[in-house]
Protein backbone atom coordinates (compact mmCIF):
# COMPACT_ATOMS: atom_id res chain seq x y z
CA ASN A 1 8.79 1.60 78.38
CA ALA A 2 5.67 2.92 80.44
CA SER A 3 3.59 5.92 80.21
CA ILE A 4 0.72 7.82 82.22
CA SER A 5 -1.59 5.46 80.24
CA ASP A 6 -0.65 2.63 82.03
CA PHE A 7 -1.68 3.66 85.73
CA GLU A 8 -4.92 4.33 87.36
CA LEU A 9 -4.91 6.97 89.64
CA ILE A 10 -6.24 6.04 92.70
CA LYS A 11 -5.43 8.68 95.04
CA VAL A 12 -3.48 12.03 95.77
CA VAL A 13 -1.14 11.06 98.86
CA GLY A 14 0.87 13.88 99.56
CA VAL A 15 1.78 17.59 97.69
CA GLY A 16 4.70 19.03 97.47
CA GLY A 17 6.53 22.22 95.68
CA PHE A 18 7.34 20.72 92.62
CA GLY A 19 4.53 18.19 92.24
CA LYS A 20 2.46 15.21 93.77
CA VAL A 21 2.79 12.36 95.08
CA SER A 22 -0.56 9.52 93.95
CA LEU A 23 -1.14 5.85 95.02
CA VAL A 24 -1.58 4.00 91.46
CA ARG A 25 -2.34 0.84 89.85
CA HIS A 26 -0.18 -0.12 87.24
CA LYS A 27 -2.42 -2.32 84.42
CA ASN A 28 -0.41 -5.46 85.97
CA LYS A 29 -2.63 -4.68 89.20
CA THR A 30 0.20 -3.32 91.30
CA LEU A 31 -0.11 -0.25 93.68
CA TYR A 32 2.85 1.53 93.44
CA ALA A 33 3.12 5.58 94.30
CA MET A 34 4.15 8.17 91.23
CA LYS A 35 5.61 10.50 91.59
CA SER A 36 4.87 13.51 89.25
CA MET A 37 7.11 17.07 89.16
CA ARG A 38 5.98 19.46 87.09
CA LYS A 39 8.85 20.50 84.24
CA GLU A 40 8.09 24.16 84.52
CA GLN A 41 9.07 24.20 88.45
CA ILE A 42 12.19 21.99 88.23
CA ILE A 43 13.61 23.99 85.55
CA LYS A 44 12.24 27.50 87.29
CA ARG A 45 13.93 26.48 90.46
CA ASN A 46 17.53 24.98 88.57
CA PHE A 47 16.48 21.69 90.09
CA PHE A 48 16.85 19.42 86.92
CA THR A 49 20.74 17.99 87.56
CA GLN A 50 18.86 17.25 90.79
CA THR A 51 16.21 15.42 89.30
CA MET A 52 18.31 13.05 87.50
CA TRP A 53 20.62 12.40 90.27
CA GLU A 54 17.18 11.18 91.99
CA LYS A 55 15.91 8.79 88.83
CA LYS A 56 19.88 7.36 88.98
CA ILE A 57 20.25 6.74 92.82
CA LEU A 58 16.79 5.67 92.68
CA GLN A 59 16.87 3.11 89.86
CA ALA A 60 20.19 1.96 90.76
CA VAL A 61 19.53 0.98 94.24
CA SER A 62 18.06 -2.75 94.86
CA PHE A 63 18.10 -3.23 98.76
CA GLN A 64 15.09 -3.85 101.25
CA PHE A 65 15.00 -0.80 103.18
CA ILE A 66 15.02 1.82 100.64
CA VAL A 67 12.28 2.55 98.19
CA HIS A 68 13.10 1.90 94.24
CA CYS A 69 11.95 3.28 91.13
CA HIS A 70 10.60 0.79 88.84
CA PHE A 71 9.62 3.03 86.16
CA CYS A 72 10.34 6.74 84.90
CA PHE A 73 8.99 8.37 82.03
CA LYS A 74 7.51 11.91 81.14
CA ASP A 75 4.92 13.88 79.29
CA TYR A 76 4.95 17.25 77.70
CA ASP A 77 4.16 19.42 81.37
CA ASN A 78 5.44 16.28 83.67
CA ILE A 79 8.38 14.04 84.86
CA TYR A 80 7.05 10.48 86.41
CA MET A 81 8.92 8.85 88.62
CA VAL A 82 7.03 5.13 89.50
CA LEU A 83 7.95 4.10 93.44
CA ASP A 84 7.33 1.21 95.52
CA TYR A 85 4.15 2.11 97.65
CA VAL A 86 4.74 2.08 101.39
CA PRO A 87 1.34 2.45 102.60
CA CYS A 88 1.68 2.98 106.50
CA GLY A 89 2.73 6.50 106.01
CA ASN A 90 5.91 8.72 107.45
CA LEU A 91 7.33 8.18 110.81
CA TYR A 92 6.75 11.72 111.38
CA TRP A 93 3.09 11.22 111.05
CA HIS A 94 3.31 8.05 113.86
CA LEU A 95 5.58 10.06 116.04
CA THR A 96 3.37 13.12 116.14
CA ARG A 97 0.37 10.71 117.44
CA SER A 98 2.54 8.70 119.95
CA GLN A 99 4.48 11.59 121.01
CA LYS A 100 7.72 9.27 121.02
CA PHE A 101 8.83 5.90 120.59
CA LYS A 102 9.77 3.64 123.02
CA GLU A 103 13.93 2.80 123.23
CA ASN A 104 12.95 -0.43 121.52
CA GLN A 105 10.79 0.45 119.09
CA SER A 106 13.30 2.90 118.07
CA LYS A 107 16.17 1.31 117.82
CA PHE A 108 14.03 -1.25 115.87
CA TYR A 109 13.74 1.80 113.05
CA GLY A 110 17.06 2.98 113.78
CA ALA A 111 18.30 -0.39 112.81
CA GLN A 112 17.05 -0.34 108.71
CA VAL A 113 17.81 3.31 108.94
CA PHE A 114 21.10 2.36 109.51
CA LEU A 115 22.03 -0.47 107.13
CA GLY A 116 20.12 2.06 104.14
CA LEU A 117 22.21 4.25 104.89
CA GLU A 118 25.29 1.75 105.19
CA TYR A 119 24.03 0.21 101.42
CA LEU A 120 24.08 4.07 100.23
CA HIS A 121 27.60 4.97 101.62
CA ASN A 122 29.24 1.52 99.82
CA LEU A 123 27.88 3.32 96.58
CA ASP A 124 29.18 6.40 97.88
CA VAL A 125 25.89 8.13 97.85
CA ALA A 126 25.41 10.45 100.86
CA HIS A 127 21.60 11.06 101.42
CA ARG A 128 21.69 14.33 103.06
CA ASP A 129 17.99 14.53 104.07
CA LEU A 130 17.50 11.93 106.47
CA LYS A 131 14.37 12.85 109.28
CA PRO A 132 11.45 11.02 110.25
CA GLU A 133 9.37 12.26 107.30
CA ASN A 134 11.29 10.44 104.77
CA VAL A 135 11.36 7.24 106.70
CA MET A 136 7.83 5.01 105.45
CA LEU A 137 6.28 2.22 107.54
CA ASP A 138 5.37 -0.52 105.61
CA SER A 139 2.44 -2.81 106.39
CA ASN A 140 5.00 -5.20 108.57
CA GLY A 141 5.56 -2.71 110.70
CA TYR A 142 9.04 -2.31 108.77
CA VAL A 143 10.75 0.87 107.15
CA LYS A 144 12.19 2.36 103.92
CA LEU A 145 14.07 5.20 103.10
CA THR A 146 12.86 7.65 100.54
CA ASP A 147 13.19 10.77 99.33
CA LEU A 148 16.13 10.53 97.17
CA GLY A 149 16.02 14.21 95.99
CA PHE A 150 18.99 15.10 97.90
CA ALA A 151 21.18 12.87 97.37
CA LYS A 152 24.41 12.60 95.72
CA VAL A 153 27.47 10.41 95.06
CA MET A 154 30.10 12.02 96.42
CA LYS A 155 33.40 11.56 94.78
CA SER A 156 34.89 14.23 96.57
CA ARG A 157 33.89 17.01 99.37
CA THR A 158 31.05 18.87 98.46
CA TYR A 159 29.59 22.46 99.98
CA THR A 160 25.95 22.76 98.91
CA THR A 161 23.88 23.84 102.04
CA CYS A 162 21.26 21.14 101.87
CA GLY A 163 18.61 19.37 104.39
CA SER A 164 16.46 20.23 106.79
CA PRO A 165 17.61 22.63 109.73
CA TYR A 166 17.26 20.52 112.57
CA TYR A 167 19.14 17.77 110.83
CA MET A 168 21.99 19.34 109.04
CA ALA A 169 24.84 18.82 110.70
CA PRO A 170 28.07 21.26 111.79
CA GLU A 171 30.44 20.97 108.78
CA ILE A 172 27.04 22.11 106.60
CA ILE A 173 25.97 25.26 108.45
CA MET A 174 29.93 26.11 108.31
CA HIS A 175 30.57 25.41 104.65
CA LYS A 176 33.49 23.56 105.73
CA GLY A 177 33.07 20.28 102.98
CA TYR A 178 31.98 17.13 104.04
CA LYS A 179 31.04 13.59 102.25
CA THR A 180 29.07 11.12 103.77
CA GLU A 181 29.68 11.23 107.25
CA VAL A 182 26.70 14.18 107.83
CA ASP A 183 24.18 11.57 107.33
CA TRP A 184 25.32 10.02 110.80
CA TRP A 185 25.20 12.99 112.67
CA ALA A 186 21.69 12.75 111.33
CA PHE A 187 21.03 9.50 112.09
CA GLY A 188 22.22 10.51 115.93
CA ILE A 189 19.46 12.99 115.23
CA LEU A 190 17.04 10.85 114.09
CA LEU A 191 17.02 8.40 117.26
CA PHE A 192 17.38 11.03 119.59
CA GLU A 193 13.99 12.97 117.83
CA MET A 194 12.19 9.08 117.88
CA THR A 195 12.89 8.26 121.35
CA GLY A 196 12.37 11.82 123.19
CA GLY A 197 9.92 13.65 120.93
CA SER A 198 11.80 16.51 121.03
CA LEU A 199 15.30 17.89 119.15
CA PRO A 200 18.39 18.07 120.62
CA PHE A 201 18.61 21.38 119.31
CA ASP A 202 16.14 23.87 119.21
CA GLY A 203 15.43 27.90 118.29
CA SER A 204 12.61 29.72 117.58
CA ASN A 205 14.85 30.65 114.43
CA GLU A 206 17.20 28.60 111.70
CA GLU A 207 20.17 30.85 113.21
CA GLU A 208 19.08 30.59 116.73
CA ILE A 209 18.88 26.15 115.68
CA TYR A 210 22.41 26.59 113.67
CA GLN A 211 23.69 28.56 116.16
CA LYS A 212 23.18 25.67 118.56
CA ILE A 213 24.28 22.72 116.26
CA CYS A 214 27.62 24.48 115.47
CA GLU A 215 28.05 24.75 119.63
CA GLY A 216 27.30 20.89 119.95
CA TYR A 217 26.15 21.34 123.06
CA PHE A 218 22.91 19.23 124.34
CA ARG A 219 21.38 17.16 126.48
CA CYS A 220 19.61 14.27 126.48
CA PRO A 221 16.11 13.09 128.48
CA SER A 222 17.05 11.07 131.68
CA PHE A 223 14.79 8.31 130.59
CA PHE A 224 17.10 7.99 127.67
CA SER A 225 19.24 4.27 128.70
CA LYS A 226 23.15 5.01 129.70
CA ASP A 227 23.45 2.81 125.78
CA LEU A 228 21.34 4.88 123.93
CA LYS A 229 23.65 8.31 125.56
CA ASP A 230 26.45 6.91 124.94
CA LEU A 231 25.76 6.22 121.12
CA LEU A 232 24.41 9.64 120.68
CA SER A 233 27.48 11.44 121.84
CA HIS A 234 29.30 9.53 119.31
CA LEU A 235 27.37 10.38 116.24
CA ILE A 236 26.36 13.96 117.37
CA GLN A 237 30.01 15.01 117.52
CA LEU A 238 30.92 17.80 116.13
CA ASP A 239 34.69 16.83 115.66
CA VAL A 240 34.14 14.46 112.55
CA THR A 241 37.04 12.73 113.05
CA ARG A 242 35.70 11.13 116.22
CA ARG A 243 32.56 10.81 115.03
CA LEU A 244 31.04 7.20 115.06
CA GLY A 245 30.37 5.59 111.37
CA ASN A 246 33.25 8.08 110.05
CA MET A 247 36.14 6.45 111.52
CA LYS A 248 38.91 3.44 110.56
CA ASN A 249 36.28 0.88 111.24
CA GLY A 250 33.64 2.92 108.98
CA ALA A 251 29.95 2.23 109.57
CA ASP A 252 31.49 -1.40 111.97
CA ASP A 253 31.17 0.70 114.47
CA ILE A 254 27.92 2.11 115.02
CA ALA A 255 26.38 -1.75 114.60
CA GLU A 256 29.10 -3.21 117.25
CA HIS A 257 28.05 -0.23 119.75
CA ILE A 258 26.68 -1.87 122.72
CA TRP A 259 23.48 0.04 122.27
CA PHE A 260 22.75 -2.72 119.58
CA TYR A 261 24.32 -5.03 122.36
CA ASN A 262 22.71 -8.61 121.09
CA PHE A 263 20.98 -6.96 118.19
CA ASN A 264 20.09 -10.02 115.66
CA TRP A 265 20.79 -8.19 112.44
CA GLN A 266 20.58 -11.58 110.33
CA ASP A 267 17.05 -12.05 111.57
CA LEU A 268 15.96 -7.80 110.56
CA LEU A 269 17.30 -8.66 107.01
CA ASN A 270 14.85 -11.79 107.08
CA TYR A 271 11.80 -10.36 108.72
CA LYS A 272 11.68 -12.12 111.33
CA ILE A 273 11.58 -9.55 114.25
CA ILE A 274 8.46 -8.96 115.15
CA PRO A 275 7.72 -5.23 115.76
CA ASP A 276 6.00 -3.83 118.03
CA TYR A 277 3.98 -2.19 116.44
CA ILE A 278 2.37 -3.27 112.92
CA PRO A 279 -0.01 -1.17 111.17
CA GLU A 280 -3.63 -2.09 110.18
CA LEU A 281 -4.54 -1.16 106.73
CA LYS A 282 -8.31 -1.69 105.89
CA SER A 283 -7.55 -2.82 102.16
CA PRO A 284 -4.70 -2.39 100.27
CA GLU A 285 -5.88 0.69 99.14
CA ASP A 286 -6.50 2.36 102.41
CA THR A 287 -4.54 5.52 102.40
CA ARG A 288 -5.30 6.95 105.90
CA PHE A 289 -1.66 7.32 106.82
CA PHE A 290 -1.80 9.82 105.36
CA GLY A 291 -3.12 12.17 106.79
CA LYS A 292 -5.71 14.92 105.30
CA ILE A 293 -3.91 16.91 102.08
CA LYS A 294 -4.21 20.18 104.03
CA GLU A 295 -3.36 19.43 107.83
CA THR A 296 -1.01 21.47 109.77
CA PRO A 297 1.53 23.42 108.19
CA ILE A 298 4.76 22.18 108.52
CA PRO A 299 7.23 23.89 111.12
CA LYS A 300 9.82 25.81 108.44
CA SER A 301 12.00 24.07 110.34
CA ARG A 302 11.39 20.79 109.33
CA LYS A 303 11.47 21.76 105.95
CA SER A 304 14.39 20.63 103.63
CA TYR A 305 15.72 23.15 101.33
CA SER A 306 19.33 23.59 98.75
CA THR A 307 21.32 26.42 98.36
CA GLU A 308 22.39 25.04 94.64
CA PHE A 309 23.25 22.46 92.73
CA ALA A 310 26.46 24.05 90.65
CA ASP A 311 28.58 21.45 92.44
CA PHE A 312 27.72 18.50 90.95
């Protein structure tokens, strides 16, 4: 059993509504990311069940493209989760700096996110909060899915409104009940945003964004390849019975789509693909990819929220 005294605090790398994420060093010299959440905030916002789910799922998952929880403990004020430290920031940070990624780079990141989602779905877990902010970049230029705060084991349909407005599937907005298919919609939005540097559904407020999502009409930039446009039209698809990933062949329909033609999945799993971009760290403790804590405020429509967790 671990306790706070086993860790040396190096630097706070993120601050959220519940607490903070810090880079820490364990007494065995390993670097980790420690997520500390204030109990009073968890109770005040009725997030206790959700926090327990996140802990259970993060401890249960064991997959190279998903962050794993190594230790979990509590003291009088906080609950702590000690996770893989992924040192090169999130894809949103990199996306805002490069404006957009080359299509090949989006495919490389997208393939890893795809495998992460497929892994979760095989465990009946929906992520429900996919967005570039929740995809972390490691020092080899590969990625890991993170922030499973809204992840849920889906034994039956659920009706919770949950996620980030830009990434929410129409069935969430319309309270139609859903399972894991919402992640494939969000996956389409992620590929669009990474490659285009913009979002398929945008507006001056959330109502406007939701209205556009529910109408389902979007246009791809002209520089998207024909194959990517085709994939997006089948992922960002209003009719869930026709959405890729949710038909009888499941996730295979996405992996076998022409956009991924000739993509070597085995090489990806074995880290044999050389990424277009490999971040350079000055030292293992270099935290510059996390930016300044008080950087520009995040637009409201990028923030994730959940209406309630009564349906757990």
